[in-house]
């Protein structure tokens, strides 16, 4: 049996624990009440009042992780990164696997152009613990996959970006912009058949998007379905009647398709239409010069090449060919031979696919007539018929 003093000790322990809980519970309730006030202030757009309520909540409960995450998010919106980092450091001390804190730290690193750090934080957040106050776990993961896809796009890792977008679309099927973006990534990463599926899915809901018809035409062109490519590019031109750089890009893409089909006159016509739509669109001059070389109209090819070299002397593919033609006409044999050796190394390369524009279009190979022209080293005595 316990002695009388043992009962006193046990009773005092129960009183101490119960009293501590009784003291802590009102403080946590007050912290929660201040947190809900801050959320209501945010819904009304009163940021400063929300920050004051969050500070009051932290005085009652300094280790409230959700309050620290909300405070860091508000500091991030105000572009005060040091204060946001302090709040996130406190939250990660309390709970190292807090998904909200890791997600916000990744956003800060992304704003500061630390891509590797941001990717690591997003990966940890996917494995971390998501609070119920931030909504369902799937929504947090959806935004994490989207941010990871954007980072991969900035690094031109298109295949990885398409995989992240696919993960996001498994969670939420509604955002059609992601479907279109995944199609672009697949087109860039050498998956044109899957890109066709994405663009067709996007066009079912938005059939009047001219850029999607253009990208669908490029995808068809990549897999060799030229008839469908011409149909999509024609639809894109119908939906965009304004004369600007985008319309020139559409005409240029169609001229490339006609060139590969062997319809040189149609290709030349579309290249001219591209120049009329946007007079400083350099690839159209390159296309027209190559068509003129294929037709042995070297005088017109030289004119277009000179314009191209003035507009963009570093244009991959066309500029090297035009430089060769100008040097051959000028009769500078040494410079011509040096340029010809460098061109032979570069002629098998495609354009660098660094943007979603005309660079996606494959540059056609140099016509056989131009190769014969280079081998014979024809000068300005070469005859040429006038352009119709």
Protein backbone atom coordinates (compact mmCIF):
# COMPACT_ATOMS: atom_id res chain seq x y z
CA UNK A 1 0.00 0.00 0.00
CA UNK A 2 1.09 3.54 -0.72
CA UNK A 3 1.93 5.63 2.20
CA UNK A 4 0.29 8.96 2.76
CA UNK A 5 3.14 10.95 1.24
CA UNK A 6 3.02 8.86 -1.98
CA UNK A 7 -0.59 9.89 -2.51
CA UNK A 8 0.43 13.51 -2.05
CA UNK A 9 3.13 13.19 -4.73
CA UNK A 10 0.81 11.50 -7.23
CA UNK A 11 -1.91 14.08 -6.64
CA UNK A 12 0.48 16.98 -7.13
CA UNK A 13 1.66 15.48 -10.46
CA UNK A 14 -1.91 15.22 -11.73
CA UNK A 15 -2.62 18.76 -10.65
CA UNK A 16 0.52 20.05 -12.36
CA UNK A 17 -0.17 18.33 -15.69
CA UNK A 18 -3.82 19.27 -15.67
CA UNK A 19 -3.03 22.87 -14.78
CA UNK A 20 -0.49 23.08 -17.59
CA UNK A 21 -3.01 21.79 -20.11
CA UNK A 22 -5.62 24.16 -18.75
CA UNK A 23 -3.25 27.07 -19.25
CA UNK A 24 -2.13 25.97 -22.74
CA UNK A 25 -5.57 25.29 -24.18
CA UNK A 26 -6.84 28.89 -23.90
CA UNK A 27 -3.61 30.13 -25.52
CA UNK A 28 -3.99 27.78 -28.49
CA UNK A 29 -7.62 28.73 -28.86
CA UNK A 30 -6.66 32.40 -28.91
CA UNK A 31 -3.95 31.67 -31.48
CA UNK A 32 -6.47 29.83 -33.64
CA UNK A 33 -8.93 32.69 -33.33
CA UNK A 34 -6.29 35.20 -34.45
CA UNK A 35 -5.40 32.91 -37.38
CA UNK A 36 -9.03 32.79 -38.57
CA UNK A 37 -9.19 36.58 -38.30
CA UNK A 38 -6.10 36.86 -40.49
CA UNK A 39 -7.69 34.55 -43.07
CA UNK A 40 -10.83 36.70 -43.15
CA UNK A 41 -8.72 39.84 -43.58
CA UNK A 42 -6.91 38.21 -46.51
CA UNK A 43 -10.19 37.41 -48.23
CA UNK A 44 -11.08 41.10 -48.03
CA UNK A 45 -7.63 42.15 -49.30
CA UNK A 46 -6.48 43.78 -46.04
CA UNK A 47 -2.89 42.56 -45.89
CA UNK A 48 -1.60 44.72 -43.04
CA UNK A 49 -4.46 43.78 -40.72
CA UNK A 50 -3.79 40.12 -41.58
CA UNK A 51 -0.13 40.49 -40.64
CA UNK A 52 -1.10 42.08 -37.31
CA UNK A 53 -3.45 39.19 -36.57
CA UNK A 54 -0.73 36.68 -37.41
CA UNK A 55 1.73 38.44 -35.08
CA UNK A 56 -0.87 38.28 -32.30
CA UNK A 57 -1.40 34.58 -33.00
CA UNK A 58 2.34 33.91 -32.71
CA UNK A 59 2.45 35.63 -29.32
CA UNK A 60 -0.02 33.02 -28.03
CA UNK A 61 1.51 30.06 -29.87
CA UNK A 62 5.06 30.76 -31.24
CA UNK A 63 5.40 27.33 -32.90
CA UNK A 64 2.18 27.46 -34.96
CA UNK A 65 3.51 26.19 -38.31
CA UNK A 66 0.51 27.19 -40.40
CA UNK A 67 0.67 30.75 -39.08
CA UNK A 68 4.38 30.95 -39.90
CA UNK A 69 3.71 29.66 -43.44
CA UNK A 70 0.95 32.21 -44.02
CA UNK A 71 3.17 34.97 -42.68
CA UNK A 72 5.98 33.88 -45.03
CA UNK A 73 3.56 33.84 -47.97
CA UNK A 74 2.48 37.42 -47.26
CA UNK A 75 6.11 38.52 -46.97
CA UNK A 76 6.81 36.78 -50.28
CA UNK A 77 3.98 38.68 -51.97
CA UNK A 78 5.49 41.92 -50.62
CA UNK A 79 8.93 40.89 -51.99
CA UNK A 80 10.51 41.00 -48.53
CA UNK A 81 12.55 37.82 -48.82
CA UNK A 82 14.61 38.10 -45.58
CA UNK A 83 11.48 38.24 -43.40
CA UNK A 84 9.94 35.35 -45.32
CA UNK A 85 13.08 33.28 -44.83
CA UNK A 86 13.07 33.95 -41.08
CA UNK A 87 9.48 32.77 -40.77
CA UNK A 88 10.17 29.64 -42.82
CA UNK A 89 13.28 28.84 -40.81
CA UNK A 90 11.19 28.89 -37.62
CA UNK A 91 8.55 26.67 -39.22
CA UNK A 92 11.14 24.13 -40.41
CA UNK A 93 12.71 24.03 -36.94
CA UNK A 94 9.37 23.00 -35.49
CA UNK A 95 8.47 20.59 -38.34
CA UNK A 96 11.27 19.77 -40.82
CA UNK A 97 8.94 18.00 -43.25
CA UNK A 98 6.28 20.73 -43.44
CA UNK A 99 5.24 20.81 -47.09
CA UNK A 100 3.98 24.41 -46.96
CA UNK A 101 7.33 25.69 -45.65
CA UNK A 102 9.34 23.71 -48.20
CA UNK A 103 7.07 24.87 -51.02
CA UNK A 104 7.42 28.53 -50.07
CA UNK A 105 11.18 28.22 -49.64
CA UNK A 106 11.33 26.74 -53.12
CA UNK A 107 9.36 29.71 -54.48
CA UNK A 108 11.82 32.12 -52.84
CA UNK A 109 14.75 30.27 -54.37
CA UNK A 110 13.02 30.30 -57.73
CA UNK A 111 12.57 34.07 -57.48
CA UNK A 112 16.28 34.39 -56.65
CA UNK A 113 17.19 32.22 -59.69
CA UNK A 114 18.44 29.28 -57.60
CA UNK A 115 16.88 26.57 -59.77
CA UNK A 116 18.66 23.59 -58.24
CA UNK A 117 17.68 24.63 -54.73
CA UNK A 118 14.09 25.22 -55.81
CA UNK A 119 13.85 21.79 -57.46
CA UNK A 120 15.21 20.09 -54.34
CA UNK A 121 12.73 21.95 -52.12
CA UNK A 122 9.81 21.02 -54.38
CA UNK A 123 10.92 17.38 -54.34
CA UNK A 124 11.07 17.40 -50.53
CA UNK A 125 7.66 19.07 -50.37
CA UNK A 126 6.15 16.27 -52.46
CA UNK A 127 7.31 13.81 -49.78
CA UNK A 128 6.48 16.11 -46.85
CA UNK A 129 3.45 16.50 -44.62
CA UNK A 130 0.64 18.68 -45.97
CA UNK A 131 -1.50 20.50 -43.41
CA UNK A 132 -5.29 20.32 -43.74
CA UNK A 133 -5.42 24.10 -43.48
CA UNK A 134 -3.79 24.31 -46.93
CA UNK A 135 -6.52 22.19 -48.51
CA UNK A 136 -6.33 18.64 -49.84
CA UNK A 137 -2.93 17.07 -50.44
CA UNK A 138 -3.66 16.73 -54.16
CA UNK A 139 -3.96 20.51 -54.67
CA UNK A 140 -0.56 21.13 -53.08
CA UNK A 141 0.98 18.41 -55.24
CA UNK A 142 -0.67 19.90 -58.34
CA UNK A 143 1.05 23.23 -57.81
CA UNK A 144 4.34 21.54 -56.97
CA UNK A 145 4.28 19.65 -60.26
CA UNK A 146 3.47 22.85 -62.14
CA UNK A 147 6.38 24.73 -60.58
CA UNK A 148 8.74 21.85 -61.31
CA UNK A 149 7.59 21.86 -64.94
CA UNK A 150 8.27 25.59 -65.24
CA UNK A 151 11.78 25.11 -63.86
CA UNK A 152 12.49 22.31 -66.32
CA UNK A 153 11.21 24.52 -69.15
CA UNK A 154 13.57 27.32 -68.13
CA UNK A 155 16.42 24.80 -68.33
CA UNK A 156 15.13 23.52 -71.74
CA UNK A 157 14.60 20.02 -70.34
CA UNK A 158 11.41 19.49 -72.29
CA UNK A 159 11.01 15.76 -71.74
CA UNK A 160 11.16 16.15 -67.95
CA UNK A 161 8.75 19.11 -68.14
CA UNK A 162 6.25 17.03 -70.11
CA UNK A 163 6.44 14.29 -67.45
CA UNK A 164 5.74 16.80 -64.65
CA UNK A 165 2.78 18.26 -66.55
CA UNK A 166 1.39 14.74 -67.01
CA UNK A 167 1.57 14.23 -63.24
CA UNK A 168 -0.28 17.52 -62.68
CA UNK A 169 -2.97 16.58 -65.22
CA UNK A 170 -3.61 13.32 -63.39
CA UNK A 171 -4.69 15.39 -60.39
CA UNK A 172 -6.69 18.07 -62.22
CA UNK A 173 -7.92 17.53 -65.77
CA UNK A 174 -9.50 20.97 -66.26
CA UNK A 175 -6.61 23.33 -67.09
CA UNK A 176 -6.33 23.13 -70.88
CA UNK A 177 -3.32 25.43 -70.91
CA UNK A 178 -1.29 22.61 -69.43
CA UNK A 179 -2.38 20.31 -72.25
CA UNK A 180 -1.15 22.82 -74.82
CA UNK A 181 2.10 23.35 -72.90
CA UNK A 182 2.68 19.61 -72.72
CA UNK A 183 2.17 19.42 -76.48
CA UNK A 184 4.85 22.08 -76.98
CA UNK A 185 7.24 20.20 -74.70
CA UNK A 186 6.63 16.95 -76.54
CA UNK A 187 7.15 18.67 -79.88
CA UNK A 188 10.46 20.05 -78.63
CA UNK A 189 11.61 16.74 -77.13
CA UNK A 190 11.04 14.72 -80.31
CA UNK A 191 7.62 13.21 -79.57
CA UNK A 192 5.48 14.63 -82.40
CA UNK A 193 2.88 11.84 -82.38
CA UNK A 194 2.03 12.45 -78.74
CA UNK A 195 2.11 16.20 -79.37
CA UNK A 196 -0.57 15.74 -82.05
CA UNK A 197 -2.82 14.09 -79.46
CA UNK A 198 -2.38 17.01 -77.04
CA UNK A 199 -3.10 19.68 -79.65
CA UNK A 200 -6.19 17.83 -80.91
CA UNK A 201 -7.45 17.54 -77.35
CA UNK A 202 -6.90 21.25 -76.80
CA UNK A 203 -8.58 22.23 -80.06
CA UNK A 204 -11.73 20.29 -79.19
CA UNK A 205 -12.44 22.88 -76.48
CA UNK A 206 -10.85 25.91 -78.17
CA UNK A 207 -11.11 25.47 -81.95
CA UNK A 208 -10.33 29.13 -82.73
CA UNK A 209 -6.78 29.23 -81.34
CA UNK A 210 -4.53 30.02 -84.30
CA UNK A 211 -1.29 29.15 -82.52
CA UNK A 212 -2.56 25.67 -81.64
CA UNK A 213 -3.44 25.03 -85.29
CA UNK A 214 0.06 26.19 -86.23
CA UNK A 215 1.71 23.89 -83.69
CA UNK A 216 -0.51 21.02 -84.84
CA UNK A 217 0.70 21.66 -88.39
CA UNK A 218 4.32 21.51 -87.21
CA UNK A 219 3.64 18.23 -85.42
CA UNK A 220 2.04 16.74 -88.53
CA UNK A 221 5.01 18.00 -90.55
CA UNK A 222 7.41 16.23 -88.20
CA UNK A 223 5.74 12.85 -88.66
CA UNK A 224 5.49 13.25 -92.44
CA UNK A 225 1.74 13.87 -92.77
CA UNK A 226 2.07 16.85 -95.08
CA UNK A 227 -1.57 16.97 -96.17
CA UNK A 228 -2.82 17.41 -92.59
CA UNK A 229 0.00 19.87 -91.94
CA UNK A 230 -1.07 22.08 -94.84
CA UNK A 231 -4.68 21.91 -93.69
CA UNK A 232 -3.78 22.99 -90.13
CA UNK A 233 -1.54 25.82 -91.34
CA UNK A 234 -4.26 27.04 -93.68
CA UNK A 235 -6.69 27.14 -90.76
CA UNK A 236 -4.16 29.07 -88.69
CA UNK A 237 -3.83 31.66 -91.46
CA UNK A 238 -7.61 31.98 -91.68
CA UNK A 239 -7.89 32.62 -87.94
CA UNK A 240 -5.13 35.25 -87.93
CA UNK A 241 -5.69 37.75 -90.76
CA UNK A 242 -3.51 40.52 -89.28
CA UNK A 243 -0.21 41.20 -91.02
CA UNK A 244 2.38 40.70 -88.30
CA UNK A 245 5.24 38.42 -87.34
CA UNK A 246 2.93 35.56 -86.35
CA UNK A 247 1.29 35.47 -89.77
CA UNK A 248 4.72 35.54 -91.38
CA UNK A 249 5.67 32.58 -89.22
CA UNK A 250 2.61 30.66 -90.45
CA UNK A 251 3.42 31.36 -94.10
CA UNK A 252 7.04 30.36 -93.57
CA UNK A 253 6.05 27.03 -92.02
CA UNK A 254 3.78 26.29 -94.97
CA UNK A 255 6.52 27.17 -97.43
CA UNK A 256 8.78 24.60 -95.73
CA UNK A 257 6.10 21.93 -96.17
CA UNK A 258 5.69 22.84 -99.85
CA UNK A 259 9.47 22.76 -100.28
CA UNK A 260 9.72 19.23 -98.93
CA UNK A 261 6.86 18.12 -101.18
CA UNK A 262 8.76 19.53 -104.18
CA UNK A 263 6.26 22.31 -104.95
CA UNK A 264 8.82 25.09 -105.33
CA UNK A 265 6.48 27.68 -106.84
CA UNK A 266 4.01 27.35 -103.97
CA UNK A 267 6.87 27.51 -101.47
CA UNK A 268 8.23 30.65 -103.13
CA UNK A 269 4.77 32.24 -103.06
CA UNK A 270 4.33 31.56 -99.34
CA UNK A 271 7.82 32.86 -98.56
CA UNK A 272 6.96 36.08 -100.41
CA UNK A 273 3.68 36.32 -98.48
CA UNK A 274 5.65 35.95 -95.25
CA UNK A 275 7.87 38.88 -96.26
CA UNK A 276 4.82 40.98 -97.09
CA UNK A 277 3.34 40.18 -93.69
CA UNK A 278 6.54 41.08 -91.84
CA UNK A 279 9.31 42.65 -93.89
CA UNK A 280 12.08 41.94 -91.34
CA UNK A 281 11.34 38.22 -90.97
CA UNK A 282 14.77 36.84 -91.86
CA UNK A 283 13.95 33.11 -92.30
CA UNK A 284 11.58 33.93 -95.16
CA UNK A 285 14.44 35.56 -97.08
CA UNK A 286 16.53 32.47 -96.44
CA UNK A 287 13.79 30.18 -97.70
CA UNK A 288 13.25 32.28 -100.82
CA UNK A 289 16.98 32.35 -101.56
CA UNK A 290 17.19 28.56 -101.31
CA UNK A 291 14.22 28.19 -103.65
CA UNK A 292 15.90 30.57 -106.09
CA UNK A 293 19.09 28.50 -105.91
CA UNK A 294 17.09 25.33 -106.58
CA UNK A 295 15.66 27.04 -109.68
CA UNK A 296 19.16 28.32 -110.63
CA UNK A 297 18.05 31.94 -110.25
CA UNK A 298 21.31 32.95 -108.59
CA UNK A 299 20.89 36.70 -109.05
CA UNK A 300 17.69 36.74 -106.97
CA UNK A 301 19.24 34.34 -104.46
CA UNK A 302 22.13 36.76 -103.91
CA UNK A 303 19.73 39.66 -103.30
CA UNK A 304 17.76 37.71 -100.70
CA UNK A 305 20.98 36.48 -99.09
CA UNK A 306 22.33 40.00 -98.74
CA UNK A 307 19.09 41.11 -97.06
CA UNK A 308 19.22 38.09 -94.76
CA UNK A 309 22.81 38.79 -93.72
CA UNK A 310 21.88 42.38 -92.88
CA UNK A 311 18.85 41.34 -90.81
CA UNK A 312 20.37 38.41 -88.95
CA UNK A 313 23.94 37.41 -89.82
CA UNK A 314 23.95 34.66 -87.16
CA UNK A 315 20.80 32.88 -88.33
CA UNK A 316 21.58 29.17 -88.07
CA UNK A 317 21.29 27.19 -91.28
CA UNK A 318 20.52 29.91 -93.81
CA UNK A 319 23.23 32.45 -92.96
CA UNK A 320 26.10 30.01 -93.59
CA UNK A 321 24.67 29.05 -96.98
CA UNK A 322 24.09 32.67 -97.96
CA UNK A 323 27.59 33.62 -96.87
CA UNK A 324 28.95 30.88 -99.12
CA UNK A 325 26.98 32.16 -102.08
CA UNK A 326 28.13 35.77 -101.60
CA UNK A 327 31.78 34.71 -101.24
CA UNK A 328 31.56 32.53 -104.33
CA UNK A 329 30.13 35.40 -106.37
CA UNK A 330 32.75 37.82 -105.10
CA UNK A 331 35.52 35.43 -106.20
CA UNK A 332 37.28 35.30 -102.80
CA UNK A 333 38.54 31.71 -103.09
CA UNK A 334 40.33 31.46 -99.72
CA UNK A 335 37.42 32.83 -97.70
CA UNK A 336 35.06 30.68 -99.75
CA UNK A 337 37.01 27.49 -99.01
CA UNK A 338 37.13 28.24 -95.28
CA UNK A 339 33.41 28.95 -95.20
CA UNK A 340 32.71 25.86 -97.27
CA UNK A 341 34.56 23.61 -94.79
CA UNK A 342 32.65 25.09 -91.86
CA UNK A 343 29.37 24.76 -93.76
CA UNK A 344 30.00 21.05 -94.43
CA UNK A 345 30.24 20.53 -90.66
CA UNK A 346 27.05 22.44 -89.98
CA UNK A 347 24.84 21.38 -92.87
CA UNK A 348 23.59 18.23 -91.10
CA UNK A 349 22.51 20.16 -88.03
CA UNK A 350 19.01 21.46 -87.50
CA UNK A 351 18.08 24.77 -85.99
CA UNK A 352 18.52 24.99 -82.25
CA UNK A 353 15.08 24.41 -80.78
CA UNK A 354 15.25 27.07 -78.06
CA UNK A 355 11.88 28.76 -78.47
CA UNK A 356 8.32 28.00 -79.59
CA UNK A 357 8.44 29.82 -82.90
CA UNK A 358 9.76 29.44 -86.41
CA UNK A 359 12.83 27.64 -85.01
CA UNK A 360 10.71 24.53 -84.58
CA UNK A 361 10.57 24.19 -88.36
CA UNK A 362 13.20 21.95 -89.87
CA UNK A 363 15.54 23.74 -92.29
CA UNK A 364 15.49 21.99 -95.67
CA UNK A 365 18.70 20.64 -97.12
CA UNK A 366 20.67 22.55 -99.73
CA UNK A 367 19.44 21.81 -103.28
CA UNK A 368 21.63 19.78 -105.64
CA UNK A 369 21.87 22.65 -108.11
CA UNK A 370 23.50 24.83 -105.46
CA UNK A 371 26.00 22.06 -104.64
CA UNK A 372 26.89 21.90 -108.34
CA UNK A 373 27.13 25.69 -108.34
CA UNK A 374 29.64 25.55 -105.49
CA UNK A 375 31.68 22.75 -107.06
CA UNK A 376 32.03 24.62 -110.35
CA UNK A 377 32.76 27.87 -108.43
CA UNK A 378 30.55 29.85 -110.76
CA UNK A 379 31.02 33.61 -110.53
CA UNK A 380 28.74 36.46 -111.53
CA UNK A 381 28.81 35.24 -115.16
CA UNK A 382 26.13 32.68 -114.21
CA UNK A 383 22.97 33.34 -116.13
CA UNK A 384 19.65 33.74 -114.39
CA UNK A 385 16.14 34.21 -115.62
CA UNK A 386 13.93 36.98 -114.17
CA UNK A 387 11.60 36.15 -111.32
CA UNK A 388 7.94 35.97 -112.19
